[in-house]
Structures are given as C-alpha cells and as structure tokens.
C-alpha cells in the first residue's frame, strides 16, 4: 500500500483519471482542430485501457502486481535518466 490505498483501488482511480484526461484531450484537439489524426487513437486508448486494467488487476495477485509496478517504475526511471544525460548535452 502506498498512502493507504489498496493496489486495486489505485488502479481503478488511475483508470478513471485516465478516462477524464483522455476525454479532455480529445475535446480540446477537436475544438482546436489541431492534430485531428490523433483523435481516433486517443479515443481507442481511452476505451480499451479501463476494462483491460480491471481485467489485469483481477487476474494477477497483489504481490505480483506490486512487483510488476515497481519494476516498470524502475525501468522508466532509468530510461528517463539516460535520456536526460544523452539529450541535454
């Protein structure tokens, strides 16, 4: 648990936040008529991600889910660090 939130609840909260963020982004792209070619992929991602996250969380144990999350965060952190070093020169 991080901040007292169960891992499954955290995934549900994240999926909802992602839905709101993607919806706002699609709306703004549509209103601004900017990058219209991104609207469909954003919608597809928003529609697919929530059920996929719920299915994954229900079929993976909490311990494995925590380990996978930690591993992904470490990999992304290392990638960010390397990109910062390479592209800030």
Protein backbone atom coordinates (compact mmCIF):
# COMPACT_ATOMS: atom_id res chain seq x y z
CA UNK A 1 0.00 0.00 0.00
CA UNK A 2 1.12 3.49 -0.78
CA UNK A 3 -0.60 6.33 1.02
CA UNK A 4 -3.04 3.82 2.50
CA UNK A 5 -4.66 3.00 -0.85
CA UNK A 6 -5.10 -0.64 -1.85
CA UNK A 7 -3.41 -1.53 -5.14
CA UNK A 8 -6.70 -2.48 -6.81
CA UNK A 9 -8.33 0.78 -5.78
CA UNK A 10 -5.29 2.67 -7.07
CA UNK A 11 -5.68 1.03 -10.48
CA UNK A 12 -9.38 1.96 -10.57
CA UNK A 13 -8.59 5.56 -9.61
CA UNK A 14 -5.88 5.74 -12.27
CA UNK A 15 -8.19 4.32 -14.94
CA UNK A 16 -10.83 6.92 -14.09
CA UNK A 17 -8.26 9.74 -14.15
CA UNK A 18 -7.01 8.46 -17.50
CA UNK A 19 -10.54 8.49 -18.87
CA UNK A 20 -11.05 12.11 -17.77
CA UNK A 21 -7.65 13.16 -19.14
CA UNK A 22 -8.15 11.45 -22.50
CA UNK A 23 -11.68 12.86 -22.82
CA UNK A 24 -10.46 16.39 -22.14
CA UNK A 25 -7.57 15.98 -24.56
CA UNK A 26 -9.81 14.68 -27.34
CA UNK A 27 -12.25 17.54 -26.76
CA UNK A 28 -9.51 20.15 -26.91
CA UNK A 29 -7.98 18.61 -30.03
CA UNK A 30 -11.41 18.55 -31.65
CA UNK A 31 -12.19 22.16 -30.72
CA UNK A 32 -8.81 23.46 -31.81
CA UNK A 33 -8.82 21.32 -34.98
CA UNK A 34 -5.24 20.51 -34.14
CA UNK A 35 -3.75 17.09 -34.74
CA UNK A 36 -7.01 15.58 -35.91
CA UNK A 37 -5.16 12.39 -36.77
CA UNK A 38 -4.65 11.80 -33.03
CA UNK A 39 -8.33 11.88 -32.05
CA UNK A 40 -9.16 8.29 -33.04
CA UNK A 41 -6.08 6.70 -31.40
CA UNK A 42 -6.74 8.67 -28.19
CA UNK A 43 -10.36 7.53 -28.12
CA UNK A 44 -9.42 3.92 -28.74
CA UNK A 45 -6.82 4.05 -25.98
CA UNK A 46 -9.29 5.58 -23.52
CA UNK A 47 -11.96 3.00 -24.32
CA UNK A 48 -9.66 -0.03 -24.15
CA UNK A 49 -7.49 0.89 -21.16
CA UNK A 50 -10.07 0.82 -18.34
CA UNK A 51 -11.51 -2.68 -18.94
CA UNK A 52 -8.03 -4.04 -19.68
CA UNK A 53 -6.70 -2.62 -16.41
CA UNK A 54 -9.65 -4.04 -14.45
CA UNK A 55 -9.23 -7.48 -16.04
CA UNK A 56 -5.48 -7.49 -15.37
CA UNK A 57 -5.85 -6.46 -11.73
CA UNK A 58 -8.48 -9.13 -11.10
CA UNK A 59 -6.33 -11.89 -12.57
CA UNK A 60 -2.95 -11.00 -11.08
CA UNK A 61 -2.19 -11.37 -7.40
CA UNK A 62 -1.41 -8.28 -5.33
CA UNK A 63 2.19 -9.31 -4.74
CA UNK A 64 2.88 -9.83 -8.46
CA UNK A 65 1.11 -6.58 -9.30
CA UNK A 66 3.24 -4.63 -6.83
CA UNK A 67 6.43 -6.20 -8.16
CA UNK A 68 5.47 -5.51 -11.78
CA UNK A 69 4.61 -1.90 -10.93
CA UNK A 70 7.92 -1.44 -9.11
CA UNK A 71 9.87 -2.98 -11.99
CA UNK A 72 8.15 -0.78 -14.58
CA UNK A 73 8.79 2.32 -12.47
CA UNK A 74 12.48 1.43 -12.12
CA UNK A 75 12.84 0.81 -15.88
CA UNK A 76 11.10 4.10 -16.73
CA UNK A 77 13.27 5.94 -14.20
CA UNK A 78 16.45 4.52 -15.72
CA UNK A 79 15.24 5.37 -19.24
CA UNK A 80 14.41 8.93 -18.17
CA UNK A 81 17.82 9.31 -16.55
CA UNK A 82 19.62 8.03 -19.65
CA UNK A 83 17.55 10.25 -21.98
CA UNK A 84 18.29 13.26 -19.79
CA UNK A 85 22.00 12.60 -19.94
CA UNK A 86 22.03 11.97 -23.70
CA UNK A 87 19.74 14.78 -24.85
CA UNK A 88 20.89 17.60 -22.57
CA UNK A 89 24.39 17.82 -23.93
